[in-house]
Amino acid sequence: MTEITVEIILGYIRQLSAPDRAKLFKILVSEAIKPANGTSSGQKKSKPLPIPVPDPEPNRRWMASHRAEYAGQWIALDGDRLIASGATEAEVADEAEANGVYLPLIGYIPHPDEPTFIGL
């Protein structure tokens, strides 16, 4: 009988479509924050694990390297990997979600001659 290993499982996961990988990710995350021993209504519930924050440095390096190439577009990044680019924030966010990316950076890259928005 073939032994099941992490490498074999990862091979199967790589064959899944992006939406199925996103679905699997959500299932795994929800299972990871459940108590290992289960709790009954009379027992004290454990706190959920903190959500890890991605390292922003790969995003910064990508933005510095590709700023001119994507000027005037919305982009979604997963570290130093471009996931989506487009004219609107909504279409870029939808594509990032469909790809199952955990906490993507979604932002707008202005043209060099565009005025800086300072808000009100």
C-alpha atoms as a PDB file:
ATOM      1  CA  MET A   1       0.000   0.000   0.000  1.00  0.00           C
ATOM      2  CA  THR A   2       1.285   3.500  -0.876  1.00  0.00           C
ATOM      3  CA  GLU A   3       2.135   5.711   2.069  1.00  0.00           C
ATOM      4  CA  ILE A   4       0.419   9.094   2.093  1.00  0.00           C
ATOM      5  CA  THR A   5       2.947  11.920   2.433  1.00  0.00           C
ATOM      6  CA  VAL A   6       2.721  15.693   2.438  1.00  0.00           C
ATOM      7  CA  GLU A   7       4.441  15.739  -0.950  1.00  0.00           C
ATOM      8  CA  ILE A   8       1.766  13.443  -2.456  1.00  0.00           C
ATOM      9  CA  ILE A   9      -1.020  15.591  -0.989  1.00  0.00           C
ATOM     10  CA  LEU A  10       0.620  18.780  -2.301  1.00  0.00           C
ATOM     11  CA  GLY A  11       0.785  17.196  -5.752  1.00  0.00           C
ATOM     12  CA  TYR A  12      -2.969  16.682  -5.688  1.00  0.00           C
ATOM     13  CA  ILE A  13      -3.568  20.217  -4.389  1.00  0.00           C
ATOM     14  CA  ARG A  14      -1.534  21.690  -7.268  1.00  0.00           C
ATOM     15  CA  GLN A  15      -3.901  19.960  -9.694  1.00  0.00           C
ATOM     16  CA  LEU A  16      -6.955  21.730  -8.212  1.00  0.00           C
ATOM     17  CA  SER A  17      -8.468  24.775  -9.868  1.00  0.00           C
ATOM     18  CA  ALA A  18      -7.854  28.138  -8.184  1.00  0.00           C
ATOM     19  CA  PRO A  19     -11.400  28.313  -6.730  1.00  0.00           C
ATOM     20  CA  ASP A  20     -11.051  24.783  -5.302  1.00  0.00           C
ATOM     21  CA  ARG A  21      -7.674  25.688  -3.760  1.00  0.00           C
ATOM     22  CA  ALA A  22      -9.331  28.733  -2.167  1.00  0.00           C
ATOM     23  CA  LYS A  23     -12.125  26.539  -0.813  1.00  0.00           C
ATOM     24  CA  LEU A  24      -9.589  24.056   0.593  1.00  0.00           C
ATOM     25  CA  PHE A  25      -7.628  26.906   2.184  1.00  0.00           C
ATOM     26  CA  LYS A  26     -10.735  28.206   3.958  1.00  0.00           C
ATOM     27  CA  ILE A  27     -11.550  24.718   5.242  1.00  0.00           C
ATOM     28  CA  LEU A  28      -8.007  24.190   6.530  1.00  0.00           C
ATOM     29  CA  VAL A  29      -7.928  27.581   8.242  1.00  0.00           C
ATOM     30  CA  SER A  30     -11.272  26.990   9.960  1.00  0.00           C
ATOM     31  CA  GLU A  31     -10.058  23.585  11.177  1.00  0.00           C
ATOM     32  CA  ALA A  32      -6.774  25.063  12.430  1.00  0.00           C
ATOM     33  CA  ILE A  33      -8.504  27.451  14.842  1.00  0.00           C
ATOM     34  CA  LYS A  34     -10.770  24.797  16.379  1.00  0.00           C
ATOM     35  CA  PRO A  35      -9.659  23.384  19.728  1.00  0.00           C
ATOM     36  CA  ALA A  36      -7.813  20.089  19.298  1.00  0.00           C
ATOM     37  CA  ASN A  37      -9.665  18.282  22.104  1.00  0.00           C
ATOM     38  CA  GLY A  38     -13.100  19.823  21.462  1.00  0.00           C
ATOM     39  CA  THR A  39     -14.939  21.680  24.172  1.00  0.00           C
ATOM     40  CA  SER A  40     -18.309  21.107  25.678  1.00  0.00           C
ATOM     41  CA  SER A  41     -20.639  23.900  26.699  1.00  0.00           C
ATOM     42  CA  GLY A  42     -19.412  23.698  30.314  1.00  0.00           C
ATOM     43  CA  GLN A  43     -15.740  24.053  29.460  1.00  0.00           C
ATOM     44  CA  LYS A  44     -13.859  27.290  28.880  1.00  0.00           C
ATOM     45  CA  LYS A  45     -13.442  27.982  25.158  1.00  0.00           C
ATOM     46  CA  SER A  46      -9.945  28.647  23.891  1.00  0.00           C
ATOM     47  CA  LYS A  47      -9.108  31.832  22.012  1.00  0.00           C
ATOM     48  CA  PRO A  48      -8.597  31.537  18.250  1.00  0.00           C
ATOM     49  CA  LEU A  49      -5.028  31.634  17.020  1.00  0.00           C
ATOM     50  CA  PRO A  50      -3.816  35.024  15.788  1.00  0.00           C
ATOM     51  CA  ILE A  51      -3.823  35.539  12.032  1.00  0.00           C
ATOM     52  CA  PRO A  52      -0.248  35.763  10.741  1.00  0.00           C
ATOM     53  CA  VAL A  53       0.577  39.048   9.021  1.00  0.00           C
ATOM     54  CA  PRO A  54       2.379  38.724   5.676  1.00  0.00           C
ATOM     55  CA  ASP A  55       5.825  40.326   5.302  1.00  0.00           C
ATOM     56  CA  PRO A  56       5.334  43.628   3.398  1.00  0.00           C
ATOM     57  CA  GLU A  57       8.908  43.831   2.066  1.00  0.00           C
ATOM     58  CA  PRO A  58       8.398  41.625  -1.055  1.00  0.00           C
ATOM     59  CA  ASN A  59       5.382  43.804  -1.964  1.00  0.00           C
ATOM     60  CA  ARG A  60       7.499  46.962  -1.649  1.00  0.00           C
ATOM     61  CA  ARG A  61      10.275  45.534  -3.827  1.00  0.00           C
ATOM     62  CA  TRP A  62       7.777  44.496  -6.527  1.00  0.00           C
ATOM     63  CA  MET A  63       6.156  47.942  -6.512  1.00  0.00           C
ATOM     64  CA  ALA A  64       9.526  49.671  -6.842  1.00  0.00           C
ATOM     65  CA  SER A  65      10.537  47.421  -9.755  1.00  0.00           C
ATOM     66  CA  HIS A  66       7.250  47.542 -11.706  1.00  0.00           C
ATOM     67  CA  ARG A  67       5.810  50.985 -10.908  1.00  0.00           C
ATOM     68  CA  ALA A  68       6.257  52.365 -14.451  1.00  0.00           C
ATOM     69  CA  GLU A  69       4.970  49.193 -16.110  1.00  0.00           C
ATOM     70  CA  TYR A  70       1.627  49.230 -14.216  1.00  0.00           C
ATOM     71  CA  ALA A  71       1.101  52.998 -13.830  1.00  0.00           C
ATOM     72  CA  GLY A  72      -2.597  53.889 -13.848  1.00  0.00           C
ATOM     73  CA  GLN A  73      -3.727  50.370 -12.904  1.00  0.00           C
ATOM     74  CA  TRP A  74      -4.980  48.532  -9.853  1.00  0.00           C
ATOM     75  CA  ILE A  75      -2.823  45.571  -8.848  1.00  0.00           C
ATOM     76  CA  ALA A  76      -3.068  42.605  -6.459  1.00  0.00           C
ATOM     77  CA  LEU A  77       0.147  41.162  -5.068  1.00  0.00           C
ATOM     78  CA  ASP A  78       1.017  38.067  -3.082  1.00  0.00           C
ATOM     79  CA  GLY A  79       4.453  39.028  -1.840  1.00  0.00           C
ATOM     80  CA  ASP A  80       6.552  39.539  -4.964  1.00  0.00           C
ATOM     81  CA  ARG A  81       4.045  37.798  -7.266  1.00  0.00           C
ATOM     82  CA  LEU A  82       1.514  39.730  -9.356  1.00  0.00           C
ATOM     83  CA  ILE A  83      -1.889  38.061  -9.124  1.00  0.00           C
ATOM     84  CA  ALA A  84      -4.013  40.519 -11.065  1.00  0.00           C
ATOM     85  CA  SER A  85      -3.991  43.945 -12.636  1.00  0.00           C
ATOM     86  CA  GLY A  86      -6.847  45.951 -14.088  1.00  0.00           C
ATOM     87  CA  ALA A  87      -8.774  49.169 -14.398  1.00  0.00           C
ATOM     88  CA  THR A  88     -10.893  48.758 -11.249  1.00  0.00           C
ATOM     89  CA  GLU A  89     -10.282  47.718  -7.677  1.00  0.00           C
ATOM     90  CA  ALA A  90     -13.303  45.389  -7.776  1.00  0.00           C
ATOM     91  CA  GLU A  91     -12.115  43.292 -10.726  1.00  0.00           C
ATOM     92  CA  VAL A  92      -8.623  42.954  -9.231  1.00  0.00           C
ATOM     93  CA  ALA A  93     -10.024  41.997  -5.801  1.00  0.00           C
ATOM     94  CA  ASP A  94     -12.371  39.425  -7.374  1.00  0.00           C
ATOM     95  CA  GLU A  95      -9.501  37.814  -9.271  1.00  0.00           C
ATOM     96  CA  ALA A  96      -7.304  37.714  -6.147  1.00  0.00           C
ATOM     97  CA  GLU A  97     -10.130  36.036  -4.207  1.00  0.00           C
ATOM     98  CA  ALA A  98     -10.702  33.520  -7.016  1.00  0.00           C
ATOM     99  CA  ASN A  99      -7.009  32.627  -6.833  1.00  0.00           C
ATOM    100  CA  GLY A 100      -7.308  31.928  -3.110  1.00  0.00           C
ATOM    101  CA  VAL A 101      -4.580  34.331  -2.051  1.00  0.00           C
ATOM    102  CA  TYR A 102      -4.226  34.926   1.702  1.00  0.00           C
ATOM    103  CA  LEU A 103      -4.291  38.675   2.476  1.00  0.00           C
ATOM    104  CA  PRO A 104      -3.206  40.047  -0.901  1.00  0.00           C
ATOM    105  CA  LEU A 105      -1.996  43.607  -1.213  1.00  0.00           C
ATOM    106  CA  ILE A 106      -4.453  45.471  -3.443  1.00  0.00           C
ATOM    107  CA  GLY A 107      -3.501  48.965  -4.488  1.00  0.00           C
ATOM    108  CA  TYR A 108      -3.460  51.567  -7.195  1.00  0.00           C
ATOM    109  CA  ILE A 109      -0.248  52.625  -8.936  1.00  0.00           C
ATOM    110  CA  PRO A 110      -0.605  56.259 -10.038  1.00  0.00           C
ATOM    111  CA  HIS A 111       0.935  57.740 -13.165  1.00  0.00           C
ATOM    112  CA  PRO A 112       4.024  59.826 -12.347  1.00  0.00           C
ATOM    113  CA  ASP A 113       2.203  63.010 -13.445  1.00  0.00           C
ATOM    114  CA  GLU A 114      -0.996  62.216 -11.476  1.00  0.00           C
ATOM    115  CA  PRO A 115      -1.631  64.563  -8.550  1.00  0.00           C
ATOM    116  CA  THR A 116      -1.299  63.002  -5.109  1.00  0.00           C
ATOM    117  CA  PHE A 117      -4.635  62.386  -3.385  1.00  0.00           C
ATOM    118  CA  ILE A 118      -4.592  63.695   0.168  1.00  0.00           C
ATOM    119  CA  GLY A 119      -8.228  63.096   1.106  1.00  0.00           C
ATOM    120  CA  LEU A 120     -10.660  65.235   3.019  1.00  0.00           C
END
